[in-house]
Amino acid sequence: MTMTSKPDNEPAYLFEDRQSPDDWHVQWTDNDGGFETAIFSGPRARERAIIFAERCYGGYEEVHFDP
């Protein structure tokens, strides 16, 4: 996984897994349509996902899905 962010790209998206509550995903898409995903589970999963998104991609947008 590439750990660099490019300023002209969108921020990473942060969202909770629909099937496994308390698991958090960080997804980032580049300008060519490629994407990277990281999944965090266990204690403080959301907090660790946020730290990862900020360090690797320069920011994030949290997304909430309707049930």
PDB file of N, CA and C in Angstrom:
ATOM      1  N   MET A   1       0.836  -1.163   0.000  1.00  0.00           N
ATOM      2  CA  MET A   1       0.000   0.000   0.000  1.00  0.00           C
ATOM      3  C   MET A   1       0.889   1.237   0.000  1.00  0.00           C
ATOM      4  N   THR A   2       0.557   2.186  -0.812  1.00  0.00           N
ATOM      5  CA  THR A   2       1.290   3.435  -0.861  1.00  0.00           C
ATOM      6  C   THR A   2       0.857   4.299   0.314  1.00  0.00           C
ATOM      7  N   MET A   3       1.813   4.860   1.002  1.00  0.00           N
ATOM      8  CA  MET A   3       1.489   5.644   2.184  1.00  0.00           C
ATOM      9  C   MET A   3       1.687   7.138   1.956  1.00  0.00           C
ATOM     10  N   THR A   4       1.557   7.591   0.749  1.00  0.00           N
ATOM     11  CA  THR A   4       1.723   9.017   0.485  1.00  0.00           C
ATOM     12  C   THR A   4       0.418   9.603   0.002  1.00  0.00           C
ATOM     13  N   SER A   5       0.166  10.836   0.336  1.00  0.00           N
ATOM     14  CA  SER A   5      -1.027  11.489  -0.161  1.00  0.00           C
ATOM     15  C   SER A   5      -0.612  12.538  -1.170  1.00  0.00           C
ATOM     16  N   LYS A   6      -1.506  12.821  -2.064  1.00  0.00           N
ATOM     17  CA  LYS A   6      -1.259  13.836  -3.075  1.00  0.00           C
ATOM     18  C   LYS A   6      -2.282  14.941  -2.861  1.00  0.00           C
ATOM     19  N   PRO A   7      -1.856  16.189  -2.802  1.00  0.00           N
ATOM     20  CA  PRO A   7      -2.768  17.267  -2.470  1.00  0.00           C
ATOM     21  C   PRO A   7      -3.924  17.454  -3.442  1.00  0.00           C
ATOM     22  N   ASP A   8      -3.806  16.974  -4.675  1.00  0.00           N
ATOM     23  CA  ASP A   8      -4.882  17.178  -5.627  1.00  0.00           C
ATOM     24  C   ASP A   8      -5.954  16.092  -5.542  1.00  0.00           C
ATOM     25  N   ASN A   9      -5.813  15.134  -4.651  1.00  0.00           N
ATOM     26  CA  ASN A   9      -6.787  14.056  -4.504  1.00  0.00           C
ATOM     27  C   ASN A   9      -7.758  14.351  -3.372  1.00  0.00           C
ATOM     28  N   GLU A  10      -8.826  13.601  -3.389  1.00  0.00           N
ATOM     29  CA  GLU A  10      -9.833  13.696  -2.339  1.00  0.00           C
ATOM     30  C   GLU A  10      -9.266  13.151  -1.023  1.00  0.00           C
ATOM     31  N   PRO A  11      -9.872  13.543   0.093  1.00  0.00           N
ATOM     32  CA  PRO A  11      -9.438  12.960   1.368  1.00  0.00           C
ATOM     33  C   PRO A  11      -9.878  11.497   1.436  1.00  0.00           C
ATOM     34  N   ALA A  12      -9.372  10.809   2.409  1.00  0.00           N
ATOM     35  CA  ALA A  12      -9.799   9.431   2.640  1.00  0.00           C
ATOM     36  C   ALA A  12     -11.215   9.448   3.216  1.00  0.00           C
ATOM     37  N   TYR A  13     -11.931   8.356   3.017  1.00  0.00           N
ATOM     38  CA  TYR A  13     -13.262   8.208   3.604  1.00  0.00           C
ATOM     39  C   TYR A  13     -13.165   7.239   4.763  1.00  0.00           C
ATOM     40  N   LEU A  14     -13.818   7.578   5.856  1.00  0.00           N
ATOM     41  CA  LEU A  14     -13.819   6.781   7.072  1.00  0.00           C
ATOM     42  C   LEU A  14     -15.250   6.324   7.312  1.00  0.00           C
ATOM     43  N   PHE A  15     -15.453   5.015   7.492  1.00  0.00           N
ATOM     44  CA  PHE A  15     -16.808   4.532   7.746  1.00  0.00           C
ATOM     45  C   PHE A  15     -16.784   3.231   8.529  1.00  0.00           C
ATOM     46  N   GLU A  16     -17.863   3.031   9.294  1.00  0.00           N
ATOM     47  CA  GLU A  16     -18.001   1.819  10.095  1.00  0.00           C
ATOM     48  C   GLU A  16     -18.525   0.691   9.215  1.00  0.00           C
ATOM     49  N   ASP A  17     -18.018  -0.502   9.438  1.00  0.00           N
ATOM     50  CA  ASP A  17     -18.442  -1.675   8.674  1.00  0.00           C
ATOM     51  C   ASP A  17     -19.911  -1.980   8.982  1.00  0.00           C
ATOM     52  N   ARG A  18     -20.695  -2.211   7.946  1.00  0.00           N
ATOM     53  CA  ARG A  18     -22.122  -2.501   8.130  1.00  0.00           C
ATOM     54  C   ARG A  18     -22.361  -3.866   8.754  1.00  0.00           C
ATOM     55  N   GLN A  19     -21.550  -4.849   8.424  1.00  0.00           N
ATOM     56  CA  GLN A  19     -21.763  -6.204   8.910  1.00  0.00           C
ATOM     57  C   GLN A  19     -21.001  -6.513  10.196  1.00  0.00           C
ATOM     58  N   SER A  20     -19.968  -5.771  10.466  1.00  0.00           N
ATOM     59  CA  SER A  20     -19.167  -5.985  11.681  1.00  0.00           C
ATOM     60  C   SER A  20     -19.042  -4.664  12.426  1.00  0.00           C
ATOM     61  N   PRO A  21     -20.075  -4.316  13.182  1.00  0.00           N
ATOM     62  CA  PRO A  21     -19.997  -3.060  13.931  1.00  0.00           C
ATOM     63  C   PRO A  21     -18.722  -3.015  14.771  1.00  0.00           C
ATOM     64  N   ASP A  22     -18.209  -1.855  14.929  1.00  0.00           N
ATOM     65  CA  ASP A  22     -16.964  -1.581  15.654  1.00  0.00           C
ATOM     66  C   ASP A  22     -15.715  -1.825  14.812  1.00  0.00           C
ATOM     67  N   ASP A  23     -15.864  -2.297  13.574  1.00  0.00           N
ATOM     68  CA  ASP A  23     -14.753  -2.330  12.622  1.00  0.00           C
ATOM     69  C   ASP A  23     -14.862  -1.068  11.776  1.00  0.00           C
ATOM     70  N   TRP A  24     -13.735  -0.421  11.534  1.00  0.00           N
ATOM     71  CA  TRP A  24     -13.728   0.832  10.784  1.00  0.00           C
ATOM     72  C   TRP A  24     -12.838   0.709   9.560  1.00  0.00           C
ATOM     73  N   HIS A  25     -13.311   1.268   8.443  1.00  0.00           N
ATOM     74  CA  HIS A  25     -12.594   1.242   7.172  1.00  0.00           C
ATOM     75  C   HIS A  25     -12.084   2.645   6.840  1.00  0.00           C
ATOM     76  N   VAL A  26     -10.919   2.695   6.250  1.00  0.00           N
ATOM     77  CA  VAL A  26     -10.384   3.929   5.661  1.00  0.00           C
ATOM     78  C   VAL A  26     -10.180   3.598   4.188  1.00  0.00           C
ATOM     79  N   GLN A  27     -10.840   4.365   3.323  1.00  0.00           N
ATOM     80  CA  GLN A  27     -10.705   4.120   1.882  1.00  0.00           C
ATOM     81  C   GLN A  27     -10.303   5.408   1.194  1.00  0.00           C
ATOM     82  N   TRP A  28      -9.337   5.292   0.307  1.00  0.00           N
ATOM     83  CA  TRP A  28      -8.808   6.441  -0.429  1.00  0.00           C
ATOM     84  C   TRP A  28      -8.771   6.097  -1.907  1.00  0.00           C
ATOM     85  N   THR A  29      -9.188   7.031  -2.763  1.00  0.00           N
ATOM     86  CA  THR A  29      -9.203   6.819  -4.207  1.00  0.00           C
ATOM     87  C   THR A  29      -8.285   7.822  -4.876  1.00  0.00           C
ATOM     88  N   ASP A  30      -7.451   7.341  -5.809  1.00  0.00           N
ATOM     89  CA  ASP A  30      -6.559   8.265  -6.516  1.00  0.00           C
ATOM     90  C   ASP A  30      -7.230   8.774  -7.791  1.00  0.00           C
ATOM     91  N   ASN A  31      -6.574   9.661  -8.503  1.00  0.00           N
ATOM     92  CA  ASN A  31      -7.145  10.274  -9.701  1.00  0.00           C
ATOM     93  C   ASN A  31      -7.350   9.290 -10.845  1.00  0.00           C
ATOM     94  N   ASP A  32      -6.673   8.164 -10.814  1.00  0.00           N
ATOM     95  CA  ASP A  32      -6.797   7.167 -11.873  1.00  0.00           C
ATOM     96  C   ASP A  32      -7.876   6.127 -11.578  1.00  0.00           C
ATOM     97  N   GLY A  33      -8.581   6.280 -10.467  1.00  0.00           N
ATOM     98  CA  GLY A  33      -9.638   5.339 -10.116  1.00  0.00           C
ATOM     99  C   GLY A  33      -9.175   4.173  -9.265  1.00  0.00           C
ATOM    100  N   GLY A  34      -7.892   4.102  -8.968  1.00  0.00           N
ATOM    101  CA  GLY A  34      -7.392   3.066  -8.072  1.00  0.00           C
ATOM    102  C   GLY A  34      -7.761   3.412  -6.635  1.00  0.00           C
ATOM    103  N   PHE A  35      -7.804   2.415  -5.782  1.00  0.00           N
ATOM    104  CA  PHE A  35      -8.124   2.721  -4.392  1.00  0.00           C
ATOM    105  C   PHE A  35      -7.336   1.841  -3.435  1.00  0.00           C
ATOM    106  N   GLU A  36      -7.267   2.312  -2.220  1.00  0.00           N
ATOM    107  CA  GLU A  36      -6.604   1.609  -1.122  1.00  0.00           C
ATOM    108  C   GLU A  36      -7.577   1.555   0.037  1.00  0.00           C
ATOM    109  N   THR A  37      -7.601   0.433   0.747  1.00  0.00           N
ATOM    110  CA  THR A  37      -8.484   0.282   1.889  1.00  0.00           C
ATOM    111  C   THR A  37      -7.707  -0.310   3.052  1.00  0.00           C
ATOM    112  N   ALA A  38      -7.949   0.220   4.235  1.00  0.00           N
ATOM    113  CA  ALA A  38      -7.395  -0.339   5.469  1.00  0.00           C
ATOM    114  C   ALA A  38      -8.558  -0.572   6.417  1.00  0.00           C
ATOM    115  N   ILE A  39      -8.540  -1.679   7.153  1.00  0.00           N
ATOM    116  CA  ILE A  39      -9.609  -2.013   8.088  1.00  0.00           C
ATOM    117  C   ILE A  39      -9.018  -2.105   9.489  1.00  0.00           C
ATOM    118  N   PHE A  40      -9.705  -1.479  10.433  1.00  0.00           N
ATOM    119  CA  PHE A  40      -9.264  -1.464  11.822  1.00  0.00           C
ATOM    120  C   PHE A  40     -10.341  -2.106  12.686  1.00  0.00           C
ATOM    121  N   SER A  41      -9.924  -2.984  13.596  1.00  0.00           N
ATOM    122  CA  SER A  41     -10.854  -3.620  14.519  1.00  0.00           C
ATOM    123  C   SER A  41     -10.210  -3.669  15.894  1.00  0.00           C
ATOM    124  N   GLY A  42     -11.016  -4.003  16.864  1.00  0.00           N
ATOM    125  CA  GLY A  42     -10.500  -4.095  18.220  1.00  0.00           C
ATOM    126  C   GLY A  42     -10.614  -2.785  18.969  1.00  0.00           C
ATOM    127  N   PRO A  43      -9.932  -2.723  20.117  1.00  0.00           N
ATOM    128  CA  PRO A  43     -10.012  -1.526  20.954  1.00  0.00           C
ATOM    129  C   PRO A  43      -9.591  -0.269  20.189  1.00  0.00           C
ATOM    130  N   ARG A  44     -10.374   0.768  20.346  1.00  0.00           N
ATOM    131  CA  ARG A  44     -10.073   2.091  19.777  1.00  0.00           C
ATOM    132  C   ARG A  44      -9.914   2.041  18.250  1.00  0.00           C
ATOM    133  N   ALA A  45     -10.658   1.174  17.583  1.00  0.00           N
ATOM    134  CA  ALA A  45     -10.531   1.017  16.127  1.00  0.00           C
ATOM    135  C   ALA A  45     -10.801   2.331  15.396  1.00  0.00           C
ATOM    136  N   ARG A  46     -11.856   3.038  15.780  1.00  0.00           N
ATOM    137  CA  ARG A  46     -12.185   4.302  15.110  1.00  0.00           C
ATOM    138  C   ARG A  46     -11.057   5.312  15.284  1.00  0.00           C
ATOM    139  N   GLU A  47     -10.564   5.437  16.487  1.00  0.00           N
ATOM    140  CA  GLU A  47      -9.477   6.380  16.764  1.00  0.00           C
ATOM    141  C   GLU A  47      -8.221   6.038  15.955  1.00  0.00           C
ATOM    142  N   ARG A  48      -7.882   4.763  15.886  1.00  0.00           N
ATOM    143  CA  ARG A  48      -6.704   4.347  15.122  1.00  0.00           C
ATOM    144  C   ARG A  48      -6.900   4.581  13.622  1.00  0.00           C
ATOM    145  N   ALA A  49      -8.131   4.391  13.135  1.00  0.00           N
ATOM    146  CA  ALA A  49      -8.428   4.650  11.723  1.00  0.00           C
ATOM    147  C   ALA A  49      -8.274   6.131  11.398  1.00  0.00           C
ATOM    148  N   ILE A  50      -8.719   6.994  12.294  1.00  0.00           N
ATOM    149  CA  ILE A  50      -8.589   8.442  12.094  1.00  0.00           C
ATOM    150  C   ILE A  50      -7.116   8.840  12.044  1.00  0.00           C
ATOM    151  N   ILE A  51      -6.338   8.347  12.976  1.00  0.00           N
ATOM    152  CA  ILE A  51      -4.901   8.656  12.998  1.00  0.00           C
ATOM    153  C   ILE A  51      -4.245   8.207  11.697  1.00  0.00           C
ATOM    154  N   PHE A  52      -4.572   7.010  11.247  1.00  0.00           N
ATOM    155  CA  PHE A  52      -4.027   6.484   9.997  1.00  0.00           C
ATOM    156  C   PHE A  52      -4.400   7.380   8.816  1.00  0.00           C
ATOM    157  N   ALA A  53      -5.668   7.746   8.714  1.00  0.00           N
ATOM    158  CA  ALA A  53      -6.137   8.578   7.599  1.00  0.00           C
ATOM    159  C   ALA A  53      -5.441   9.930   7.588  1.00  0.00           C
ATOM    160  N   GLU A  54      -5.283  10.527   8.745  1.00  0.00           N
ATOM    161  CA  GLU A  54      -4.621  11.834   8.814  1.00  0.00           C
ATOM    162  C   GLU A  54      -3.144  11.732   8.448  1.00  0.00           C
ATOM    163  N   ARG A  55      -2.476  10.712   8.923  1.00  0.00           N
ATOM    164  CA  ARG A  55      -1.042  10.555   8.631  1.00  0.00           C
ATOM    165  C   ARG A  55      -0.771  10.194   7.175  1.00  0.00           C
ATOM    166  N   CYS A  56      -1.562   9.279   6.646  1.00  0.00           N
ATOM    167  CA  CYS A  56      -1.288   8.762   5.304  1.00  0.00           C
ATOM    168  C   CYS A  56      -1.889   9.596   4.193  1.00  0.00           C
ATOM    169  N   TYR A  57      -3.038  10.205   4.437  1.00  0.00           N
ATOM    170  CA  TYR A  57      -3.751  10.880   3.359  1.00  0.00           C
ATOM    171  C   TYR A  57      -4.020  12.356   3.624  1.00  0.00           C
ATOM    172  N   GLY A  58      -3.591  12.850   4.762  1.00  0.00           N
ATOM    173  CA  GLY A  58      -3.719  14.269   5.055  1.00  0.00           C
ATOM    174  C   GLY A  58      -5.081  14.697   5.543  1.00  0.00           C
ATOM    175  N   GLY A  59      -6.006  13.778   5.711  1.00  0.00           N
ATOM    176  CA  GLY A  59      -7.331  14.119   6.205  1.00  0.00           C
ATOM    177  C   GLY A  59      -8.318  13.018   5.876  1.00  0.00           C
ATOM    178  N   TYR A  60      -9.541  13.213   6.324  1.00  0.00           N
ATOM    179  CA  TYR A  60     -10.579  12.219   6.077  1.00  0.00           C
ATOM    180  C   TYR A  60     -11.946  12.874   6.131  1.00  0.00           C
ATOM    181  N   GLU A  61     -12.920  12.182   5.577  1.00  0.00           N
ATOM    182  CA  GLU A  61     -14.314  12.570   5.666  1.00  0.00           C
ATOM    183  C   GLU A  61     -15.062  11.357   6.196  1.00  0.00           C
ATOM    184  N   GLU A  62     -15.770  11.538   7.301  1.00  0.00           N
ATOM    185  CA  GLU A  62     -16.503  10.412   7.870  1.00  0.00           C
ATOM    186  C   GLU A  62     -17.827  10.267   7.143  1.00  0.00           C
ATOM    187  N   VAL A  63     -18.153   9.036   6.759  1.00  0.00           N
ATOM    188  CA  VAL A  63     -19.363   8.740   6.012  1.00  0.00           C
ATOM    189  C   VAL A  63     -20.257   7.863   6.866  1.00  0.00           C
ATOM    190  N   HIS A  64     -21.556   8.169   6.863  1.00  0.00           N
ATOM    191  CA  HIS A  64     -22.534   7.360   7.583  1.00  0.00           C
ATOM    192  C   HIS A  64     -23.535   6.803   6.579  1.00  0.00           C
ATOM    193  N   PHE A  65     -23.812   5.524   6.670  1.00  0.00           N
ATOM    194  CA  PHE A  65     -24.764   4.875   5.777  1.00  0.00           C
ATOM    195  C   PHE A  65     -26.097   4.707   6.478  1.00  0.00           C
ATOM    196  N   ASP A  66     -27.159   4.800   5.713  1.00  0.00           N
ATOM    197  CA  ASP A  66     -28.487   4.541   6.253  1.00  0.00           C
ATOM    198  C   ASP A  66     -28.629   3.053   6.507  1.00  0.00           C
ATOM    199  N   PRO A  67     -29.334   2.697   7.593  1.00  0.00           N
ATOM    200  CA  PRO A  67     -29.502   1.268   7.913  1.00  0.00           C
ATOM    201  C   PRO A  67     -30.304   0.534   6.852  1.00  0.00           C
TER     202      PRO A  67
END
